Amino acid sequence: MPLIEITLVEGRSPEQLRSLISNVTRAAVESVDAPIESVRVVLREVPATHFAAGDVTIDERRAQRHTAQSS
């Protein structure tokens, strides 16, 4: 039973999340020949202030980009 966990920054539409679930499920079925009913997908959405890379949160990165574009 494949269990696929995906963490992403919140803000996507329900339609986008549903599409992601469908595409990831299909990829698991095709890649490892898993029966579709055995594939589990867990989406975790986190606030942009709780997701960081290189000690910079996504929220901070967006603010920096916005400031740079405004200059």
N, C-alpha and C. Protein backbone atom coordinates (compact mmCIF):
# COMPACT_ATOMS: atom_id res chain seq x y z
N MET A 1 0.84 -1.18 0.00
CA MET A 1 0.00 0.00 0.00
C MET A 1 0.89 1.24 0.00
N PRO A 2 1.01 1.93 -1.11
CA PRO A 2 1.79 3.18 -1.12
C PRO A 2 1.09 4.26 -0.30
N LEU A 3 1.87 4.92 0.55
CA LEU A 3 1.41 6.07 1.30
C LEU A 3 2.28 7.25 0.87
N ILE A 4 1.67 8.22 0.24
CA ILE A 4 2.39 9.37 -0.30
C ILE A 4 2.00 10.60 0.49
N GLU A 5 2.99 11.24 1.11
CA GLU A 5 2.73 12.43 1.90
C GLU A 5 3.36 13.64 1.21
N ILE A 6 2.57 14.68 1.05
CA ILE A 6 3.01 15.88 0.37
C ILE A 6 2.76 17.07 1.29
N THR A 7 3.79 17.87 1.51
CA THR A 7 3.66 19.08 2.29
C THR A 7 3.85 20.26 1.36
N LEU A 8 2.91 21.21 1.42
CA LEU A 8 3.04 22.40 0.58
C LEU A 8 2.47 23.61 1.31
N VAL A 9 2.87 24.75 0.83
CA VAL A 9 2.40 26.01 1.41
C VAL A 9 0.93 26.17 1.06
N GLU A 10 0.13 26.56 2.04
CA GLU A 10 -1.30 26.72 1.80
C GLU A 10 -1.56 27.83 0.78
N GLY A 11 -2.74 27.75 0.17
CA GLY A 11 -3.13 28.80 -0.75
C GLY A 11 -3.60 28.30 -2.10
N ARG A 12 -3.53 27.00 -2.32
CA ARG A 12 -4.01 26.48 -3.59
C ARG A 12 -5.51 26.20 -3.52
N SER A 13 -6.15 26.22 -4.65
CA SER A 13 -7.60 26.00 -4.70
C SER A 13 -7.91 24.52 -4.45
N PRO A 14 -9.14 24.23 -4.03
CA PRO A 14 -9.56 22.83 -3.89
C PRO A 14 -9.40 22.05 -5.19
N GLU A 15 -9.64 22.72 -6.31
CA GLU A 15 -9.50 22.05 -7.62
C GLU A 15 -8.04 21.68 -7.88
N GLN A 16 -7.11 22.55 -7.53
CA GLN A 16 -5.69 22.24 -7.71
C GLN A 16 -5.27 21.08 -6.82
N LEU A 17 -5.72 21.08 -5.58
CA LEU A 17 -5.38 20.00 -4.66
C LEU A 17 -5.97 18.68 -5.14
N ARG A 18 -7.19 18.71 -5.63
CA ARG A 18 -7.82 17.49 -6.14
C ARG A 18 -7.07 16.94 -7.34
N SER A 19 -6.63 17.85 -8.21
CA SER A 19 -5.84 17.45 -9.38
C SER A 19 -4.52 16.82 -8.95
N LEU A 20 -3.88 17.40 -7.95
CA LEU A 20 -2.62 16.85 -7.44
C LEU A 20 -2.84 15.43 -6.91
N ILE A 21 -3.90 15.23 -6.14
CA ILE A 21 -4.20 13.90 -5.62
C ILE A 21 -4.39 12.91 -6.76
N SER A 22 -5.15 13.27 -7.76
CA SER A 22 -5.40 12.38 -8.89
C SER A 22 -4.12 12.04 -9.64
N ASN A 23 -3.31 13.05 -9.91
CA ASN A 23 -2.08 12.82 -10.69
C ASN A 23 -1.06 12.00 -9.91
N VAL A 24 -0.93 12.25 -8.62
CA VAL A 24 0.01 11.48 -7.80
C VAL A 24 -0.47 10.03 -7.67
N THR A 25 -1.76 9.86 -7.48
CA THR A 25 -2.32 8.50 -7.41
C THR A 25 -2.05 7.75 -8.70
N ARG A 26 -2.33 8.38 -9.82
CA ARG A 26 -2.10 7.74 -11.12
C ARG A 26 -0.62 7.39 -11.31
N ALA A 27 0.27 8.28 -10.88
CA ALA A 27 1.71 8.01 -11.00
C ALA A 27 2.11 6.79 -10.17
N ALA A 28 1.55 6.67 -8.97
CA ALA A 28 1.87 5.51 -8.13
C ALA A 28 1.35 4.22 -8.76
N VAL A 29 0.15 4.27 -9.27
CA VAL A 29 -0.44 3.09 -9.91
C VAL A 29 0.42 2.65 -11.09
N GLU A 30 0.82 3.60 -11.92
CA GLU A 30 1.62 3.28 -13.11
C GLU A 30 3.05 2.89 -12.77
N SER A 31 3.64 3.53 -11.77
CA SER A 31 5.05 3.31 -11.46
C SER A 31 5.33 2.01 -10.72
N VAL A 32 4.47 1.68 -9.78
CA VAL A 32 4.74 0.50 -8.95
C VAL A 32 3.64 -0.56 -9.05
N ASP A 33 2.78 -0.39 -10.05
CA ASP A 33 1.72 -1.36 -10.31
C ASP A 33 0.85 -1.59 -9.07
N ALA A 34 0.58 -0.52 -8.34
CA ALA A 34 -0.26 -0.63 -7.15
C ALA A 34 -1.73 -0.55 -7.55
N PRO A 35 -2.55 -1.34 -6.91
CA PRO A 35 -3.99 -1.20 -7.15
C PRO A 35 -4.44 0.19 -6.68
N ILE A 36 -5.24 0.86 -7.48
CA ILE A 36 -5.61 2.24 -7.16
C ILE A 36 -6.22 2.37 -5.77
N GLU A 37 -7.00 1.37 -5.37
CA GLU A 37 -7.66 1.47 -4.07
C GLU A 37 -6.68 1.33 -2.89
N SER A 38 -5.45 0.93 -3.17
CA SER A 38 -4.46 0.80 -2.09
C SER A 38 -3.60 2.05 -1.94
N VAL A 39 -3.71 3.00 -2.86
CA VAL A 39 -2.89 4.20 -2.82
C VAL A 39 -3.49 5.22 -1.84
N ARG A 40 -2.67 5.69 -0.93
CA ARG A 40 -3.08 6.71 0.03
C ARG A 40 -2.29 7.97 -0.23
N VAL A 41 -2.95 9.12 -0.25
CA VAL A 41 -2.29 10.41 -0.45
C VAL A 41 -2.70 11.33 0.70
N VAL A 42 -1.72 11.90 1.37
CA VAL A 42 -1.96 12.85 2.45
C VAL A 42 -1.35 14.18 2.05
N LEU A 43 -2.19 15.21 2.01
CA LEU A 43 -1.70 16.56 1.73
C LEU A 43 -1.65 17.33 3.04
N ARG A 44 -0.54 17.97 3.30
CA ARG A 44 -0.41 18.82 4.47
C ARG A 44 -0.14 20.23 3.97
N GLU A 45 -1.01 21.13 4.34
CA GLU A 45 -0.81 22.53 3.97
C GLU A 45 -0.33 23.29 5.19
N VAL A 46 0.73 24.05 5.02
CA VAL A 46 1.28 24.82 6.13
C VAL A 46 1.31 26.30 5.76
N PRO A 47 1.20 27.17 6.75
CA PRO A 47 1.29 28.60 6.47
C PRO A 47 2.67 28.97 5.92
N ALA A 48 2.71 30.00 5.12
CA ALA A 48 3.98 30.45 4.53
C ALA A 48 4.99 30.87 5.60
N THR A 49 4.51 31.19 6.78
CA THR A 49 5.41 31.56 7.89
C THR A 49 6.00 30.34 8.58
N HIS A 50 5.54 29.15 8.23
CA HIS A 50 6.01 27.92 8.86
C HIS A 50 6.79 27.02 7.90
N PHE A 51 7.17 27.53 6.75
CA PHE A 51 7.87 26.74 5.73
C PHE A 51 9.08 27.56 5.31
N ALA A 52 10.28 27.04 5.55
CA ALA A 52 11.49 27.81 5.28
C ALA A 52 12.51 26.98 4.52
N ALA A 53 13.35 27.68 3.78
CA ALA A 53 14.50 27.09 3.11
C ALA A 53 15.66 28.06 3.29
N GLY A 54 16.79 27.55 3.73
CA GLY A 54 17.94 28.42 3.92
C GLY A 54 17.69 29.51 4.97
N ASP A 55 16.91 29.18 6.00
CA ASP A 55 16.60 30.10 7.11
C ASP A 55 15.77 31.30 6.67
N VAL A 56 15.08 31.18 5.55
CA VAL A 56 14.19 32.24 5.08
C VAL A 56 12.82 31.60 4.84
N THR A 57 11.79 32.12 5.50
CA THR A 57 10.46 31.54 5.29
C THR A 57 9.93 31.95 3.91
N ILE A 58 8.96 31.21 3.45
CA ILE A 58 8.33 31.54 2.18
C ILE A 58 7.71 32.93 2.26
N ASP A 59 7.11 33.25 3.39
CA ASP A 59 6.52 34.57 3.60
C ASP A 59 7.58 35.67 3.48
N GLU A 60 8.73 35.47 4.10
CA GLU A 60 9.82 36.45 4.00
C GLU A 60 10.33 36.56 2.56
N ARG A 61 10.45 35.43 1.90
CA ARG A 61 10.93 35.42 0.51
C ARG A 61 9.97 36.19 -0.40
N ARG A 62 8.67 35.98 -0.18
CA ARG A 62 7.67 36.72 -0.97
C ARG A 62 7.76 38.21 -0.69
N ALA A 63 7.94 38.58 0.56
CA ALA A 63 8.05 39.99 0.92
C ALA A 63 9.29 40.61 0.28
N GLN A 64 10.40 39.89 0.27
CA GLN A 64 11.63 40.38 -0.36
C GLN A 64 11.41 40.58 -1.85
N ARG A 65 10.74 39.63 -2.49
CA ARG A 65 10.46 39.73 -3.92
C ARG A 65 9.55 40.92 -4.22
N HIS A 66 8.54 41.11 -3.37
CA HIS A 66 7.62 42.23 -3.55
C HIS A 66 8.35 43.56 -3.40
N THR A 67 9.23 43.66 -2.41
CA THR A 67 10.01 44.87 -2.19
C THR A 67 10.92 45.16 -3.38
N ALA A 68 11.56 44.11 -3.91
CA ALA A 68 12.46 44.26 -5.05
C ALA A 68 11.69 44.71 -6.30
N GLN A 69 10.49 44.19 -6.47
CA GLN A 69 9.68 44.56 -7.64
C GLN A 69 9.14 45.96 -7.52
N SER A 70 8.94 46.43 -6.31
CA SER A 70 8.40 47.78 -6.08
C SER A 70 9.46 48.86 -6.26
N SER A 71 10.72 48.45 -6.20
CA SER A 71 11.82 49.42 -6.29
C SER A 71 12.06 49.88 -7.71
